[in-house]
């Protein structure tokens, strides 16, 4: 389920109850990103602000924290476990183009790793607070995808090239093992 399942107060829409009741595990897609951080080439600037401006980052992480906790509270009331089926944020702080259609993200792996460590810390604390209800988290995605369909479709989302925990060659952008410790 994604953001469309919430009403104005961040309660699940009425149609969600029978769906949750029918599930063994509730899957959630949630990101610390607003609309500006997804669409057009301006998303690279939004990503740079998220990584380098503490106020922007704190605001987005606080909103993410609140939304995820609201969802888990409601999932907990239904007695269901949850998994975070999609989460993460882009590393792209700029880009360059090769030819007409190739968007190459420019990243700061060290800074990305620092912010990722902060993000994982938030996920760990939420999971502690909800006594392990959040079974797992899947990060979108493992490698930068220079050929992602959303770059050129109606979404116009070139930032999709920069979501990888690794660059487009598969080289990790930061020491993943260090963060997991």
C-alpha atoms as a PDB file:
ATOM      1  CA  UNK A   1       0.000   0.000   0.000  1.00  0.00           C
ATOM      2  CA  UNK A   2       1.146   3.503  -0.718  1.00  0.00           C
ATOM      3  CA  UNK A   3       0.056   6.982   0.333  1.00  0.00           C
ATOM      4  CA  UNK A   4      -3.365   6.685  -1.352  1.00  0.00           C
ATOM      5  CA  UNK A   5      -4.610   4.554   1.530  1.00  0.00           C
ATOM      6  CA  UNK A   6      -4.612   7.442   4.053  1.00  0.00           C
ATOM      7  CA  UNK A   7      -7.221  10.058   4.810  1.00  0.00           C
ATOM      8  CA  UNK A   8      -6.370  13.637   5.859  1.00  0.00           C
ATOM      9  CA  UNK A   9      -5.614  12.547   9.450  1.00  0.00           C
ATOM     10  CA  UNK A  10      -3.321   9.733   8.252  1.00  0.00           C
ATOM     11  CA  UNK A  11      -5.805   7.066   9.245  1.00  0.00           C
ATOM     12  CA  UNK A  12      -6.332   4.250   6.791  1.00  0.00           C
ATOM     13  CA  UNK A  13      -9.228   4.781   4.394  1.00  0.00           C
ATOM     14  CA  UNK A  14     -12.308   2.724   5.273  1.00  0.00           C
ATOM     15  CA  UNK A  15     -11.725   0.337   2.377  1.00  0.00           C
ATOM     16  CA  UNK A  16      -8.430  -0.779   3.960  1.00  0.00           C
ATOM     17  CA  UNK A  17      -9.892  -2.771   6.890  1.00  0.00           C
ATOM     18  CA  UNK A  18     -11.157  -5.764   4.891  1.00  0.00           C
ATOM     19  CA  UNK A  19      -7.952  -5.799   2.855  1.00  0.00           C
ATOM     20  CA  UNK A  20      -5.763  -5.819   5.975  1.00  0.00           C
ATOM     21  CA  UNK A  21      -7.975  -8.480   7.571  1.00  0.00           C
ATOM     22  CA  UNK A  22      -7.451 -10.693   4.508  1.00  0.00           C
ATOM     23  CA  UNK A  23      -3.643 -10.399   4.639  1.00  0.00           C
ATOM     24  CA  UNK A  24      -1.127 -12.339   6.672  1.00  0.00           C
ATOM     25  CA  UNK A  25       1.436  -9.529   6.368  1.00  0.00           C
ATOM     26  CA  UNK A  26       0.861  -5.888   5.465  1.00  0.00           C
ATOM     27  CA  UNK A  27       3.312  -4.442   2.966  1.00  0.00           C
ATOM     28  CA  UNK A  28       4.080  -0.708   2.981  1.00  0.00           C
ATOM     29  CA  UNK A  29       5.886   1.505   0.465  1.00  0.00           C
ATOM     30  CA  UNK A  30       7.109   4.640   2.254  1.00  0.00           C
ATOM     31  CA  UNK A  31       9.810   7.181   1.479  1.00  0.00           C
ATOM     32  CA  UNK A  32      11.105  10.314   3.213  1.00  0.00           C
ATOM     33  CA  UNK A  33      10.287  12.320   0.105  1.00  0.00           C
ATOM     34  CA  UNK A  34       7.566  14.706  -1.018  1.00  0.00           C
ATOM     35  CA  UNK A  35       6.363  15.344  -4.580  1.00  0.00           C
ATOM     36  CA  UNK A  36       9.117  17.823  -5.437  1.00  0.00           C
ATOM     37  CA  UNK A  37      11.702  15.173  -4.664  1.00  0.00           C
ATOM     38  CA  UNK A  38      10.366  12.812  -7.343  1.00  0.00           C
ATOM     39  CA  UNK A  39       9.583  14.737 -10.492  1.00  0.00           C
ATOM     40  CA  UNK A  40      11.552  16.702 -13.102  1.00  0.00           C
ATOM     41  CA  UNK A  41      15.248  17.487 -12.979  1.00  0.00           C
ATOM     42  CA  UNK A  42      14.602  19.712  -9.935  1.00  0.00           C
ATOM     43  CA  UNK A  43      14.472  16.491  -7.920  1.00  0.00           C
ATOM     44  CA  UNK A  44      18.273  16.400  -7.969  1.00  0.00           C
ATOM     45  CA  UNK A  45      18.330  19.728  -6.124  1.00  0.00           C
ATOM     46  CA  UNK A  46      15.763  18.400  -3.642  1.00  0.00           C
ATOM     47  CA  UNK A  47      17.982  15.369  -3.101  1.00  0.00           C
ATOM     48  CA  UNK A  48      21.008  17.614  -2.527  1.00  0.00           C
ATOM     49  CA  UNK A  49      19.028  19.595   0.071  1.00  0.00           C
ATOM     50  CA  UNK A  50      17.952  16.388   1.799  1.00  0.00           C
ATOM     51  CA  UNK A  51      21.543  15.170   2.038  1.00  0.00           C
ATOM     52  CA  UNK A  52      23.224  18.448   2.999  1.00  0.00           C
ATOM     53  CA  UNK A  53      20.673  20.728   4.666  1.00  0.00           C
ATOM     54  CA  UNK A  54      19.874  19.525   8.190  1.00  0.00           C
ATOM     55  CA  UNK A  55      16.563  21.359   8.409  1.00  0.00           C
ATOM     56  CA  UNK A  56      15.274  19.852   5.160  1.00  0.00           C
ATOM     57  CA  UNK A  57      16.461  16.401   6.228  1.00  0.00           C
ATOM     58  CA  UNK A  58      15.035  16.668   9.744  1.00  0.00           C
ATOM     59  CA  UNK A  59      11.659  17.852   8.438  1.00  0.00           C
ATOM     60  CA  UNK A  60      11.419  15.013   5.938  1.00  0.00           C
ATOM     61  CA  UNK A  61      12.612  12.368   8.378  1.00  0.00           C
ATOM     62  CA  UNK A  62      10.187  13.604  11.049  1.00  0.00           C
ATOM     63  CA  UNK A  63       7.289  13.414   8.576  1.00  0.00           C
ATOM     64  CA  UNK A  64       8.395   9.932   7.464  1.00  0.00           C
ATOM     65  CA  UNK A  65       8.739   8.812  11.086  1.00  0.00           C
ATOM     66  CA  UNK A  66       5.241  10.067  11.894  1.00  0.00           C
ATOM     67  CA  UNK A  67       3.606   8.482   8.825  1.00  0.00           C
ATOM     68  CA  UNK A  68       5.286   5.118   9.400  1.00  0.00           C
ATOM     69  CA  UNK A  69       4.333   5.138  13.085  1.00  0.00           C
ATOM     70  CA  UNK A  70       0.702   5.971  12.200  1.00  0.00           C
ATOM     71  CA  UNK A  71       0.634   3.045   9.789  1.00  0.00           C
ATOM     72  CA  UNK A  72       2.230   0.654  12.279  1.00  0.00           C
ATOM     73  CA  UNK A  73      -0.183   1.702  15.025  1.00  0.00           C
ATOM     74  CA  UNK A  74      -3.108   0.784  12.793  1.00  0.00           C
ATOM     75  CA  UNK A  75      -1.459  -2.433  11.621  1.00  0.00           C
ATOM     76  CA  UNK A  76      -0.720  -3.326  15.238  1.00  0.00           C
ATOM     77  CA  UNK A  77      -4.409  -2.791  16.111  1.00  0.00           C
ATOM     78  CA  UNK A  78      -5.255  -5.309  13.383  1.00  0.00           C
ATOM     79  CA  UNK A  79      -2.746  -7.758  14.892  1.00  0.00           C
ATOM     80  CA  UNK A  80      -0.693  -8.042  11.713  1.00  0.00           C
ATOM     81  CA  UNK A  81       3.051  -7.963  11.062  1.00  0.00           C
ATOM     82  CA  UNK A  82       4.358  -5.510   8.497  1.00  0.00           C
ATOM     83  CA  UNK A  83       7.184  -5.188   6.061  1.00  0.00           C
ATOM     84  CA  UNK A  84       8.549  -2.076   4.469  1.00  0.00           C
ATOM     85  CA  UNK A  85       8.440  -3.287   0.882  1.00  0.00           C
ATOM     86  CA  UNK A  86       9.951  -0.124  -0.627  1.00  0.00           C
ATOM     87  CA  UNK A  87      11.939   2.605   1.056  1.00  0.00           C
ATOM     88  CA  UNK A  88      15.065   4.657   0.561  1.00  0.00           C
ATOM     89  CA  UNK A  89      16.049   7.924  -1.021  1.00  0.00           C
ATOM     90  CA  UNK A  90      18.248   8.991  -3.918  1.00  0.00           C
ATOM     91  CA  UNK A  91      21.923   9.859  -3.652  1.00  0.00           C
ATOM     92  CA  UNK A  92      21.890  12.155  -6.685  1.00  0.00           C
ATOM     93  CA  UNK A  93      23.023  15.704  -5.969  1.00  0.00           C
ATOM     94  CA  UNK A  94      23.417  16.520  -9.649  1.00  0.00           C
ATOM     95  CA  UNK A  95      23.519  14.872 -13.015  1.00  0.00           C
ATOM     96  CA  UNK A  96      24.981  15.081 -16.452  1.00  0.00           C
ATOM     97  CA  UNK A  97      23.625  13.781 -19.692  1.00  0.00           C
ATOM     98  CA  UNK A  98      25.228  11.600 -22.286  1.00  0.00           C
ATOM     99  CA  UNK A  99      23.431  11.878 -25.563  1.00  0.00           C
ATOM    100  CA  UNK A 100      19.717  12.517 -25.778  1.00  0.00           C
ATOM    101  CA  UNK A 101      18.404  10.036 -23.233  1.00  0.00           C
ATOM    102  CA  UNK A 102      21.139   8.989 -20.796  1.00  0.00           C
ATOM    103  CA  UNK A 103      20.946  10.680 -17.376  1.00  0.00           C
ATOM    104  CA  UNK A 104      24.032   9.957 -15.247  1.00  0.00           C
ATOM    105  CA  UNK A 105      23.563  10.827 -11.564  1.00  0.00           C
ATOM    106  CA  UNK A 106      26.341  12.539  -9.637  1.00  0.00           C
ATOM    107  CA  UNK A 107      26.489  11.401  -6.034  1.00  0.00           C
ATOM    108  CA  UNK A 108      28.366  12.030  -2.816  1.00  0.00           C
ATOM    109  CA  UNK A 109      28.725   8.487  -1.475  1.00  0.00           C
ATOM    110  CA  UNK A 110      30.180   9.540   1.873  1.00  0.00           C
ATOM    111  CA  UNK A 111      27.337  11.932   2.634  1.00  0.00           C
ATOM    112  CA  UNK A 112      24.775   9.470   1.320  1.00  0.00           C
ATOM    113  CA  UNK A 113      26.157   6.842   3.707  1.00  0.00           C
ATOM    114  CA  UNK A 114      25.971   9.235   6.666  1.00  0.00           C
ATOM    115  CA  UNK A 115      22.340  10.067   5.965  1.00  0.00           C
ATOM    116  CA  UNK A 116      21.541   6.410   5.293  1.00  0.00           C
ATOM    117  CA  UNK A 117      22.969   5.565   8.729  1.00  0.00           C
ATOM    118  CA  UNK A 118      20.648   8.166  10.258  1.00  0.00           C
ATOM    119  CA  UNK A 119      17.689   6.748   8.322  1.00  0.00           C
ATOM    120  CA  UNK A 120      18.439   3.166   9.365  1.00  0.00           C
ATOM    121  CA  UNK A 121      18.716   4.364  12.961  1.00  0.00           C
ATOM    122  CA  UNK A 122      15.185   5.768  12.701  1.00  0.00           C
ATOM    123  CA  UNK A 123      13.906   2.487  11.270  1.00  0.00           C
ATOM    124  CA  UNK A 124      15.571   0.546  14.079  1.00  0.00           C
ATOM    125  CA  UNK A 125      14.056   2.809  16.750  1.00  0.00           C
ATOM    126  CA  UNK A 126      10.589   2.559  15.213  1.00  0.00           C
ATOM    127  CA  UNK A 127      10.896  -1.211  15.119  1.00  0.00           C
ATOM    128  CA  UNK A 128      11.984  -1.305  18.761  1.00  0.00           C
ATOM    129  CA  UNK A 129       9.062   0.893  19.743  1.00  0.00           C
ATOM    130  CA  UNK A 130       6.661  -1.414  17.876  1.00  0.00           C
ATOM    131  CA  UNK A 131       8.225  -4.562  19.331  1.00  0.00           C
ATOM    132  CA  UNK A 132       9.485  -5.954  16.033  1.00  0.00           C
ATOM    133  CA  UNK A 133       6.221  -5.533  14.128  1.00  0.00           C
ATOM    134  CA  UNK A 134       8.203  -4.315  11.127  1.00  0.00           C
ATOM    135  CA  UNK A 135       9.600  -7.626   9.897  1.00  0.00           C
ATOM    136  CA  UNK A 136      11.987  -6.294   7.257  1.00  0.00           C
ATOM    137  CA  UNK A 137      12.784  -3.355   5.009  1.00  0.00           C
ATOM    138  CA  UNK A 138      13.616  -3.492   1.316  1.00  0.00           C
ATOM    139  CA  UNK A 139      15.600  -0.623  -0.100  1.00  0.00           C
ATOM    140  CA  UNK A 140      14.740   0.692  -3.514  1.00  0.00           C
ATOM    141  CA  UNK A 141      17.005  -0.169  -5.215  1.00  0.00           C
ATOM    142  CA  UNK A 142      20.287  -2.065  -4.966  1.00  0.00           C
ATOM    143  CA  UNK A 143      21.964  -0.366  -7.949  1.00  0.00           C
ATOM    144  CA  UNK A 144      21.508   2.913  -9.804  1.00  0.00           C
ATOM    145  CA  UNK A 145      19.332   2.215 -12.814  1.00  0.00           C
ATOM    146  CA  UNK A 146      20.273   4.424 -15.745  1.00  0.00           C
ATOM    147  CA  UNK A 147      17.524   2.819 -17.837  1.00  0.00           C
ATOM    148  CA  UNK A 148      14.571   3.142 -15.443  1.00  0.00           C
ATOM    149  CA  UNK A 149      11.301   3.550 -17.348  1.00  0.00           C
ATOM    150  CA  UNK A 150      10.075   6.377 -15.087  1.00  0.00           C
ATOM    151  CA  UNK A 151      12.787   8.710 -16.394  1.00  0.00           C
ATOM    152  CA  UNK A 152      11.034   9.143 -19.719  1.00  0.00           C
ATOM    153  CA  UNK A 153       7.415   8.155 -19.102  1.00  0.00           C
ATOM    154  CA  UNK A 154       4.669  10.541 -18.014  1.00  0.00           C
ATOM    155  CA  UNK A 155       6.167  10.737 -14.516  1.00  0.00           C
ATOM    156  CA  UNK A 156       9.254  12.569 -15.801  1.00  0.00           C
ATOM    157  CA  UNK A 157      11.302  11.302 -12.868  1.00  0.00           C
ATOM    158  CA  UNK A 158      14.997  11.256 -13.800  1.00  0.00           C
ATOM    159  CA  UNK A 159      15.945  11.001 -10.104  1.00  0.00           C
ATOM    160  CA  UNK A 160      15.044   7.297 -10.430  1.00  0.00           C
ATOM    161  CA  UNK A 161      18.555   6.827 -11.833  1.00  0.00           C
ATOM    162  CA  UNK A 162      20.023   7.588  -8.389  1.00  0.00           C
ATOM    163  CA  UNK A 163      18.236   5.352  -5.843  1.00  0.00           C
ATOM    164  CA  UNK A 164      20.830   2.607  -5.744  1.00  0.00           C
ATOM    165  CA  UNK A 165      22.806   1.622  -2.685  1.00  0.00           C
ATOM    166  CA  UNK A 166      25.463   0.965  -5.325  1.00  0.00           C
ATOM    167  CA  UNK A 167      26.359   2.964  -8.408  1.00  0.00           C
ATOM    168  CA  UNK A 168      25.337   1.758 -11.859  1.00  0.00           C
ATOM    169  CA  UNK A 169      28.392  -0.542 -12.024  1.00  0.00           C
ATOM    170  CA  UNK A 170      27.437  -2.271  -8.757  1.00  0.00           C
ATOM    171  CA  UNK A 171      30.109  -0.592  -6.589  1.00  0.00           C
ATOM    172  CA  UNK A 172      28.627   0.292  -3.153  1.00  0.00           C
ATOM    173  CA  UNK A 173      28.353   4.041  -2.556  1.00  0.00           C
ATOM    174  CA  UNK A 174      29.227   3.605   1.120  1.00  0.00           C
ATOM    175  CA  UNK A 175      30.295   0.876   3.533  1.00  0.00           C
ATOM    176  CA  UNK A 176      27.009  -0.958   3.959  1.00  0.00           C
ATOM    177  CA  UNK A 177      28.411  -3.371   6.561  1.00  0.00           C
ATOM    178  CA  UNK A 178      29.570  -0.468   8.745  1.00  0.00           C
ATOM    179  CA  UNK A 179      26.099   1.046   8.766  1.00  0.00           C
ATOM    180  CA  UNK A 180      24.451  -2.252   9.646  1.00  0.00           C
ATOM    181  CA  UNK A 181      26.633  -2.535  12.725  1.00  0.00           C
END
